Amino acid sequence: MIRFFLISREEAFHICDKSQYQESTLWEKIKLNFRYLWCRTTRMYVNRNTQLTKTLKSSNLECLEYSERKLMEDRLNEQLKNQM
């Protein structure tokens, strides 16, 4: 019975990351919470991930539009070609 709840540390980290973006299932959240209860490393990862998410949401970051990003990439590639 308990075997259904046991997941690896890497899987717990992956589920934690998915939960950050509301992409994890209820079953994954249950397994993560079970591991969270007894694994110190998982607790630290979840807490840091939660803190990072809150910080990013409150930072009011502005991202580049796709066209701006594409223009920068093209310019960089052009400069790299010219250097060779």
PDB file of N, CA and C in Angstrom:
ATOM      1  N   MET A   1       0.820  -1.196   0.000  1.00  0.00           N
ATOM      2  CA  MET A   1       0.000   0.000   0.000  1.00  0.00           C
ATOM      3  C   MET A   1       0.863   1.258   0.000  1.00  0.00           C
ATOM      4  N   ILE A   2       1.830   1.329   0.877  1.00  0.00           N
ATOM      5  CA  ILE A   2       2.692   2.501   0.967  1.00  0.00           C
ATOM      6  C   ILE A   2       3.527   2.647  -0.299  1.00  0.00           C
ATOM      7  N   ARG A   3       3.795   1.543  -0.961  1.00  0.00           N
ATOM      8  CA  ARG A   3       4.609   1.558  -2.166  1.00  0.00           C
ATOM      9  C   ARG A   3       4.031   2.488  -3.236  1.00  0.00           C
ATOM     10  N   PHE A   4       2.712   2.671  -3.262  1.00  0.00           N
ATOM     11  CA  PHE A   4       2.077   3.548  -4.244  1.00  0.00           C
ATOM     12  C   PHE A   4       2.453   5.004  -4.031  1.00  0.00           C
ATOM     13  N   PHE A   5       2.823   5.348  -2.809  1.00  0.00           N
ATOM     14  CA  PHE A   5       3.150   6.729  -2.476  1.00  0.00           C
ATOM     15  C   PHE A   5       4.631   7.048  -2.630  1.00  0.00           C
ATOM     16  N   LEU A   6       5.475   6.032  -2.739  1.00  0.00           N
ATOM     17  CA  LEU A   6       6.909   6.266  -2.791  1.00  0.00           C
ATOM     18  C   LEU A   6       7.344   6.734  -4.172  1.00  0.00           C
ATOM     19  N   ILE A   7       8.021   7.869  -4.202  1.00  0.00           N
ATOM     20  CA  ILE A   7       8.553   8.412  -5.442  1.00  0.00           C
ATOM     21  C   ILE A   7       9.993   8.834  -5.190  1.00  0.00           C
ATOM     22  N   SER A   8      10.758   8.937  -6.253  1.00  0.00           N
ATOM     23  CA  SER A   8      12.150   9.346  -6.124  1.00  0.00           C
ATOM     24  C   SER A   8      12.227  10.851  -5.858  1.00  0.00           C
ATOM     25  N   ARG A   9      13.379  11.280  -5.431  1.00  0.00           N
ATOM     26  CA  ARG A   9      13.600  12.704  -5.174  1.00  0.00           C
ATOM     27  C   ARG A   9      13.431  13.497  -6.470  1.00  0.00           C
ATOM     28  N   GLU A  10      13.976  12.970  -7.568  1.00  0.00           N
ATOM     29  CA  GLU A  10      13.883  13.659  -8.845  1.00  0.00           C
ATOM     30  C   GLU A  10      12.431  13.792  -9.294  1.00  0.00           C
ATOM     31  N   GLU A  11      11.655  12.741  -9.082  1.00  0.00           N
ATOM     32  CA  GLU A  11      10.238  12.807  -9.439  1.00  0.00           C
ATOM     33  C   GLU A  11       9.507  13.818  -8.562  1.00  0.00           C
ATOM     34  N   ALA A  12       9.871  13.890  -7.295  1.00  0.00           N
ATOM     35  CA  ALA A  12       9.265  14.869  -6.393  1.00  0.00           C
ATOM     36  C   ALA A  12       9.581  16.288  -6.858  1.00  0.00           C
ATOM     37  N   PHE A  13      10.824  16.514  -7.270  1.00  0.00           N
ATOM     38  CA  PHE A  13      11.210  17.834  -7.766  1.00  0.00           C
ATOM     39  C   PHE A  13      10.424  18.183  -9.029  1.00  0.00           C
ATOM     40  N   HIS A  14      10.256  17.190  -9.904  1.00  0.00           N
ATOM     41  CA  HIS A  14       9.516  17.414 -11.144  1.00  0.00           C
ATOM     42  C   HIS A  14       8.048  17.752 -10.855  1.00  0.00           C
ATOM     43  N   ILE A  15       7.452  17.030  -9.939  1.00  0.00           N
ATOM     44  CA  ILE A  15       6.058  17.292  -9.570  1.00  0.00           C
ATOM     45  C   ILE A  15       5.941  18.677  -8.934  1.00  0.00           C
ATOM     46  N   CYS A  16       6.901  19.029  -8.119  1.00  0.00           N
ATOM     47  CA  CYS A  16       6.909  20.351  -7.490  1.00  0.00           C
ATOM     48  C   CYS A  16       6.938  21.443  -8.558  1.00  0.00           C
ATOM     49  N   ASP A  17       7.781  21.259  -9.568  1.00  0.00           N
ATOM     50  CA  ASP A  17       7.865  22.232 -10.652  1.00  0.00           C
ATOM     51  C   ASP A  17       6.551  22.298 -11.437  1.00  0.00           C
ATOM     52  N   LYS A  18       5.943  21.146 -11.671  1.00  0.00           N
ATOM     53  CA  LYS A  18       4.657  21.119 -12.365  1.00  0.00           C
ATOM     54  C   LYS A  18       3.579  21.805 -11.534  1.00  0.00           C
ATOM     55  N   SER A  19       3.617  21.620 -10.234  1.00  0.00           N
ATOM     56  CA  SER A  19       2.628  22.234  -9.351  1.00  0.00           C
ATOM     57  C   SER A  19       2.730  23.752  -9.378  1.00  0.00           C
ATOM     58  N   GLN A  20       3.935  24.230  -9.557  1.00  0.00           N
ATOM     59  CA  GLN A  20       4.165  25.673  -9.615  1.00  0.00           C
ATOM     60  C   GLN A  20       3.351  26.295 -10.747  1.00  0.00           C
ATOM     61  N   TYR A  21       3.159  25.558 -11.837  1.00  0.00           N
ATOM     62  CA  TYR A  21       2.423  26.054 -12.998  1.00  0.00           C
ATOM     63  C   TYR A  21       1.032  25.423 -13.110  1.00  0.00           C
ATOM     64  N   GLN A  22       0.539  24.848 -12.020  1.00  0.00           N
ATOM     65  CA  GLN A  22      -0.777  24.207 -11.968  1.00  0.00           C
ATOM     66  C   GLN A  22      -0.934  23.136 -13.042  1.00  0.00           C
ATOM     67  N   GLU A  23       0.120  22.351 -13.270  1.00  0.00           N
ATOM     68  CA  GLU A  23       0.086  21.290 -14.275  1.00  0.00           C
ATOM     69  C   GLU A  23       0.114  19.893 -13.655  1.00  0.00           C
ATOM     70  N   SER A  24       0.161  19.791 -12.354  1.00  0.00           N
ATOM     71  CA  SER A  24       0.222  18.477 -11.710  1.00  0.00           C
ATOM     72  C   SER A  24      -1.183  17.970 -11.404  1.00  0.00           C
ATOM     73  N   THR A  25      -1.301  16.655 -11.377  1.00  0.00           N
ATOM     74  CA  THR A  25      -2.585  16.033 -11.074  1.00  0.00           C
ATOM     75  C   THR A  25      -2.750  15.917  -9.554  1.00  0.00           C
ATOM     76  N   LEU A  26      -3.944  15.605  -9.139  1.00  0.00           N
ATOM     77  CA  LEU A  26      -4.219  15.413  -7.717  1.00  0.00           C
ATOM     78  C   LEU A  26      -3.374  14.272  -7.163  1.00  0.00           C
ATOM     79  N   TRP A  27      -3.269  13.174  -7.918  1.00  0.00           N
ATOM     80  CA  TRP A  27      -2.485  12.019  -7.472  1.00  0.00           C
ATOM     81  C   TRP A  27      -1.014  12.393  -7.292  1.00  0.00           C
ATOM     82  N   GLU A  28      -0.474  13.191  -8.205  1.00  0.00           N
ATOM     83  CA  GLU A  28       0.920  13.632  -8.085  1.00  0.00           C
ATOM     84  C   GLU A  28       1.113  14.501  -6.836  1.00  0.00           C
ATOM     85  N   LYS A  29       0.148  15.353  -6.574  1.00  0.00           N
ATOM     86  CA  LYS A  29       0.237  16.210  -5.385  1.00  0.00           C
ATOM     87  C   LYS A  29       0.201  15.384  -4.105  1.00  0.00           C
ATOM     88  N   ILE A  30      -0.609  14.345  -4.101  1.00  0.00           N
ATOM     89  CA  ILE A  30      -0.683  13.467  -2.924  1.00  0.00           C
ATOM     90  C   ILE A  30       0.659  12.774  -2.707  1.00  0.00           C
ATOM     91  N   LYS A  31       1.245  12.253  -3.779  1.00  0.00           N
ATOM     92  CA  LYS A  31       2.544  11.579  -3.664  1.00  0.00           C
ATOM     93  C   LYS A  31       3.631  12.561  -3.212  1.00  0.00           C
ATOM     94  N   LEU A  32       3.590  13.773  -3.742  1.00  0.00           N
ATOM     95  CA  LEU A  32       4.569  14.784  -3.345  1.00  0.00           C
ATOM     96  C   LEU A  32       4.417  15.119  -1.860  1.00  0.00           C
ATOM     97  N   ASN A  33       3.200  15.290  -1.403  1.00  0.00           N
ATOM     98  CA  ASN A  33       2.972  15.607   0.011  1.00  0.00           C
ATOM     99  C   ASN A  33       3.406  14.480   0.926  1.00  0.00           C
ATOM    100  N   PHE A  34       3.234  13.239   0.483  1.00  0.00           N
ATOM    101  CA  PHE A  34       3.691  12.112   1.286  1.00  0.00           C
ATOM    102  C   PHE A  34       5.206  12.139   1.424  1.00  0.00           C
ATOM    103  N   ARG A  35       5.904  12.393   0.316  1.00  0.00           N
ATOM    104  CA  ARG A  35       7.368  12.473   0.377  1.00  0.00           C
ATOM    105  C   ARG A  35       7.808  13.693   1.182  1.00  0.00           C
ATOM    106  N   TYR A  36       7.066  14.783   1.055  1.00  0.00           N
ATOM    107  CA  TYR A  36       7.361  16.021   1.772  1.00  0.00           C
ATOM    108  C   TYR A  36       7.399  15.787   3.287  1.00  0.00           C
ATOM    109  N   LEU A  37       6.560  14.902   3.778  1.00  0.00           N
ATOM    110  CA  LEU A  37       6.469  14.637   5.214  1.00  0.00           C
ATOM    111  C   LEU A  37       7.748  14.054   5.800  1.00  0.00           C
ATOM    112  N   TRP A  38       8.464  13.234   5.024  1.00  0.00           N
ATOM    113  CA  TRP A  38       9.622  12.544   5.603  1.00  0.00           C
ATOM    114  C   TRP A  38      10.964  12.889   4.959  1.00  0.00           C
ATOM    115  N   CYS A  39      10.968  13.679   3.885  1.00  0.00           N
ATOM    116  CA  CYS A  39      12.234  13.969   3.205  1.00  0.00           C
ATOM    117  C   CYS A  39      12.615  15.441   3.378  1.00  0.00           C
ATOM    118  N   ARG A  40      13.685  15.666   4.077  1.00  0.00           N
ATOM    119  CA  ARG A  40      14.153  17.026   4.349  1.00  0.00           C
ATOM    120  C   ARG A  40      14.548  17.753   3.059  1.00  0.00           C
ATOM    121  N   THR A  41      15.207  17.060   2.149  1.00  0.00           N
ATOM    122  CA  THR A  41      15.637  17.664   0.891  1.00  0.00           C
ATOM    123  C   THR A  41      14.443  18.112   0.060  1.00  0.00           C
ATOM    124  N   THR A  42      13.413  17.286   0.027  1.00  0.00           N
ATOM    125  CA  THR A  42      12.206  17.642  -0.713  1.00  0.00           C
ATOM    126  C   THR A  42      11.535  18.857  -0.085  1.00  0.00           C
ATOM    127  N   ARG A  43      11.477  18.896   1.236  1.00  0.00           N
ATOM    128  CA  ARG A  43      10.899  20.060   1.921  1.00  0.00           C
ATOM    129  C   ARG A  43      11.648  21.335   1.571  1.00  0.00           C
ATOM    130  N   MET A  44      12.981  21.261   1.566  1.00  0.00           N
ATOM    131  CA  MET A  44      13.791  22.428   1.238  1.00  0.00           C
ATOM    132  C   MET A  44      13.531  22.869  -0.207  1.00  0.00           C
ATOM    133  N   TYR A  45      13.457  21.910  -1.118  1.00  0.00           N
ATOM    134  CA  TYR A  45      13.222  22.236  -2.532  1.00  0.00           C
ATOM    135  C   TYR A  45      11.854  22.884  -2.709  1.00  0.00           C
ATOM    136  N   VAL A  46      10.827  22.295  -2.112  1.00  0.00           N
ATOM    137  CA  VAL A  46       9.465  22.826  -2.239  1.00  0.00           C
ATOM    138  C   VAL A  46       9.395  24.235  -1.648  1.00  0.00           C
ATOM    139  N   ASN A  47      10.002  24.427  -0.487  1.00  0.00           N
ATOM    140  CA  ASN A  47       9.961  25.744   0.149  1.00  0.00           C
ATOM    141  C   ASN A  47      10.688  26.794  -0.683  1.00  0.00           C
ATOM    142  N   ARG A  48      11.839  26.440  -1.220  1.00  0.00           N
ATOM    143  CA  ARG A  48      12.582  27.388  -2.067  1.00  0.00           C
ATOM    144  C   ARG A  48      11.833  27.675  -3.355  1.00  0.00           C
ATOM    145  N   ASN A  49      11.236  26.656  -3.927  1.00  0.00           N
ATOM    146  CA  ASN A  49      10.478  26.825  -5.168  1.00  0.00           C
ATOM    147  C   ASN A  49       9.262  27.727  -4.928  1.00  0.00           C
ATOM    148  N   THR A  50       8.600  27.541  -3.814  1.00  0.00           N
ATOM    149  CA  THR A  50       7.452  28.370  -3.462  1.00  0.00           C
ATOM    150  C   THR A  50       7.882  29.822  -3.266  1.00  0.00           C
ATOM    151  N   GLN A  51       8.988  30.010  -2.574  1.00  0.00           N
ATOM    152  CA  GLN A  51       9.505  31.359  -2.342  1.00  0.00           C
ATOM    153  C   GLN A  51       9.900  32.023  -3.666  1.00  0.00           C
ATOM    154  N   LEU A  52      10.531  31.278  -4.552  1.00  0.00           N
ATOM    155  CA  LEU A  52      10.921  31.804  -5.854  1.00  0.00           C
ATOM    156  C   LEU A  52       9.690  32.217  -6.656  1.00  0.00           C
ATOM    157  N   THR A  53       8.660  31.395  -6.646  1.00  0.00           N
ATOM    158  CA  THR A  53       7.428  31.702  -7.372  1.00  0.00           C
ATOM    159  C   THR A  53       6.804  32.986  -6.852  1.00  0.00           C
ATOM    160  N   LYS A  54       6.721  33.127  -5.545  1.00  0.00           N
ATOM    161  CA  LYS A  54       6.147  34.343  -4.955  1.00  0.00           C
ATOM    162  C   LYS A  54       6.967  35.576  -5.321  1.00  0.00           C
ATOM    163  N   THR A  55       8.277  35.435  -5.297  1.00  0.00           N
ATOM    164  CA  THR A  55       9.154  36.558  -5.633  1.00  0.00           C
ATOM    165  C   THR A  55       8.976  36.974  -7.086  1.00  0.00           C
ATOM    166  N   LEU A  56       8.917  36.006  -7.984  1.00  0.00           N
ATOM    167  CA  LEU A  56       8.742  36.330  -9.398  1.00  0.00           C
ATOM    168  C   LEU A  56       7.390  36.966  -9.677  1.00  0.00           C
ATOM    169  N   LYS A  57       6.354  36.494  -9.017  1.00  0.00           N
ATOM    170  CA  LYS A  57       5.027  37.068  -9.229  1.00  0.00           C
ATOM    171  C   LYS A  57       4.949  38.506  -8.728  1.00  0.00           C
ATOM    172  N   SER A  58       5.651  38.801  -7.666  1.00  0.00           N
ATOM    173  CA  SER A  58       5.589  40.149  -7.103  1.00  0.00           C
ATOM    174  C   SER A  58       6.600  41.107  -7.723  1.00  0.00           C
ATOM    175  N   SER A  59       7.455  40.622  -8.607  1.00  0.00           N
ATOM    176  CA  SER A  59       8.523  41.459  -9.157  1.00  0.00           C
ATOM    177  C   SER A  59       8.082  42.326 -10.332  1.00  0.00           C
ATOM    178  N   ASN A  60       6.930  42.033 -10.925  1.00  0.00           N
ATOM    179  CA  ASN A  60       6.420  42.803 -12.062  1.00  0.00           C
ATOM    180  C   ASN A  60       7.418  42.848 -13.223  1.00  0.00           C
ATOM    181  N   LEU A  61       7.973  41.701 -13.548  1.00  0.00           N
ATOM    182  CA  LEU A  61       8.913  41.604 -14.656  1.00  0.00           C
ATOM    183  C   LEU A  61       8.206  41.850 -15.983  1.00  0.00           C
ATOM    184  N   GLU A  62       8.901  42.511 -16.873  1.00  0.00           N
ATOM    185  CA  GLU A  62       8.380  42.710 -18.219  1.00  0.00           C
ATOM    186  C   GLU A  62       9.257  41.928 -19.182  1.00  0.00           C
ATOM    187  N   CYS A  63       8.639  41.097 -19.979  1.00  0.00           N
ATOM    188  CA  CYS A  63       9.376  40.254 -20.916  1.00  0.00           C
ATOM    189  C   CYS A  63       9.325  40.857 -22.307  1.00  0.00           C
ATOM    190  N   LEU A  64      10.282  40.467 -23.109  1.00  0.00           N
ATOM    191  CA  LEU A  64      10.315  40.923 -24.494  1.00  0.00           C
ATOM    192  C   LEU A  64       9.224  40.232 -25.301  1.00  0.00           C
ATOM    193  N   GLU A  65       8.721  40.946 -26.285  1.00  0.00           N
ATOM    194  CA  GLU A  65       7.792  40.352 -27.235  1.00  0.00           C
ATOM    195  C   GLU A  65       8.570  39.391 -28.130  1.00  0.00           C
ATOM    196  N   TYR A  66       7.861  38.482 -28.771  1.00  0.00           N
ATOM    197  CA  TYR A  66       8.519  37.508 -29.640  1.00  0.00           C
ATOM    198  C   TYR A  66       9.306  38.208 -30.746  1.00  0.00           C
ATOM    199  N   SER A  67       8.732  39.224 -31.352  1.00  0.00           N
ATOM    200  CA  SER A  67       9.408  39.925 -32.455  1.00  0.00           C
ATOM    201  C   SER A  67      10.692  40.606 -31.971  1.00  0.00           C
ATOM    202  N   GLU A  68      10.668  41.174 -30.768  1.00  0.00           N
ATOM    203  CA  GLU A  68      11.870  41.805 -30.214  1.00  0.00           C
ATOM    204  C   GLU A  68      12.960  40.770 -29.947  1.00  0.00           C
ATOM    205  N   ARG A  69      12.552  39.653 -29.399  1.00  0.00           N
ATOM    206  CA  ARG A  69      13.491  38.572 -29.120  1.00  0.00           C
ATOM    207  C   ARG A  69      14.111  38.036 -30.411  1.00  0.00           C
ATOM    208  N   LYS A  70      13.276  37.859 -31.428  1.00  0.00           N
ATOM    209  CA  LYS A  70      13.736  37.360 -32.717  1.00  0.00           C
ATOM    210  C   LYS A  70      14.714  38.344 -33.343  1.00  0.00           C
ATOM    211  N   LEU A  71      14.446  39.625 -33.257  1.00  0.00           N
ATOM    212  CA  LEU A  71      15.337  40.644 -33.796  1.00  0.00           C
ATOM    213  C   LEU A  71      16.691  40.606 -33.098  1.00  0.00           C
ATOM    214  N   MET A  72      16.682  40.485 -31.782  1.00  0.00           N
ATOM    215  CA  MET A  72      17.938  40.399 -31.028  1.00  0.00           C
ATOM    216  C   MET A  72      18.722  39.157 -31.425  1.00  0.00           C
ATOM    217  N   GLU A  73      18.030  38.058 -31.581  1.00  0.00           N
ATOM    218  CA  GLU A  73      18.686  36.806 -31.967  1.00  0.00           C
ATOM    219  C   GLU A  73      19.307  36.928 -33.356  1.00  0.00           C
ATOM    220  N   ASP A  74      18.577  37.527 -34.283  1.00  0.00           N
ATOM    221  CA  ASP A  74      19.097  37.714 -35.637  1.00  0.00           C
ATOM    222  C   ASP A  74      20.332  38.604 -35.635  1.00  0.00           C
ATOM    223  N   ARG A  75      20.296  39.670 -34.884  1.00  0.00           N
ATOM    224  CA  ARG A  75      21.444  40.573 -34.785  1.00  0.00           C
ATOM    225  C   ARG A  75      22.658  39.863 -34.193  1.00  0.00           C
ATOM    226  N   LEU A  76      22.418  39.078 -33.158  1.00  0.00           N
ATOM    227  CA  LEU A  76      23.512  38.331 -32.537  1.00  0.00           C
ATOM    228  C   LEU A  76      24.120  37.340 -33.522  1.00  0.00           C
ATOM    229  N   ASN A  77      23.288  36.617 -34.223  1.00  0.00           N
ATOM    230  CA  ASN A  77      23.781  35.650 -35.207  1.00  0.00           C
ATOM    231  C   ASN A  77      24.563  36.348 -36.321  1.00  0.00           C
ATOM    232  N   GLU A  78      24.087  37.509 -36.727  1.00  0.00           N
ATOM    233  CA  GLU A  78      24.791  38.273 -37.763  1.00  0.00           C
ATOM    234  C   GLU A  78      26.160  38.719 -37.275  1.00  0.00           C
ATOM    235  N   GLN A  79      26.238  39.178 -36.047  1.00  0.00           N
ATOM    236  CA  GLN A  79      27.517  39.605 -35.482  1.00  0.00           C
ATOM    237  C   GLN A  79      28.472  38.419 -35.334  1.00  0.00           C
ATOM    238  N   LEU A  80      27.948  37.283 -34.946  1.00  0.00           N
ATOM    239  CA  LEU A  80      28.793  36.089 -34.823  1.00  0.00           C
ATOM    240  C   LEU A  80      29.335  35.652 -36.181  1.00  0.00           C
ATOM    241  N   LYS A  81      28.519  35.768 -37.223  1.00  0.00           N
ATOM    242  CA  LYS A  81      28.973  35.431 -38.576  1.00  0.00           C
ATOM    243  C   LYS A  81      30.090  36.371 -39.011  1.00  0.00           C
ATOM    244  N   ASN A  82      29.926  37.648 -38.699  1.00  0.00           N
ATOM    245  CA  ASN A  82      30.917  38.653 -39.105  1.00  0.00           C
ATOM    246  C   ASN A  82      32.238  38.471 -38.390  1.00  0.00           C
ATOM    247  N   GLN A  83      32.231  37.927 -37.203  1.00  0.00           N
ATOM    248  CA  GLN A  83      33.457  37.720 -36.439  1.00  0.00           C
ATOM    249  C   GLN A  83      34.283  36.566 -37.002  1.00  0.00           C
ATOM    250  N   MET A  84      33.651  35.646 -37.656  1.00  0.00           N
ATOM    251  CA  MET A  84      34.363  34.465 -38.185  1.00  0.00           C
ATOM    252  C   MET A  84      34.923  34.717 -39.509  1.00  0.00           C
TER     253      MET A  84
END
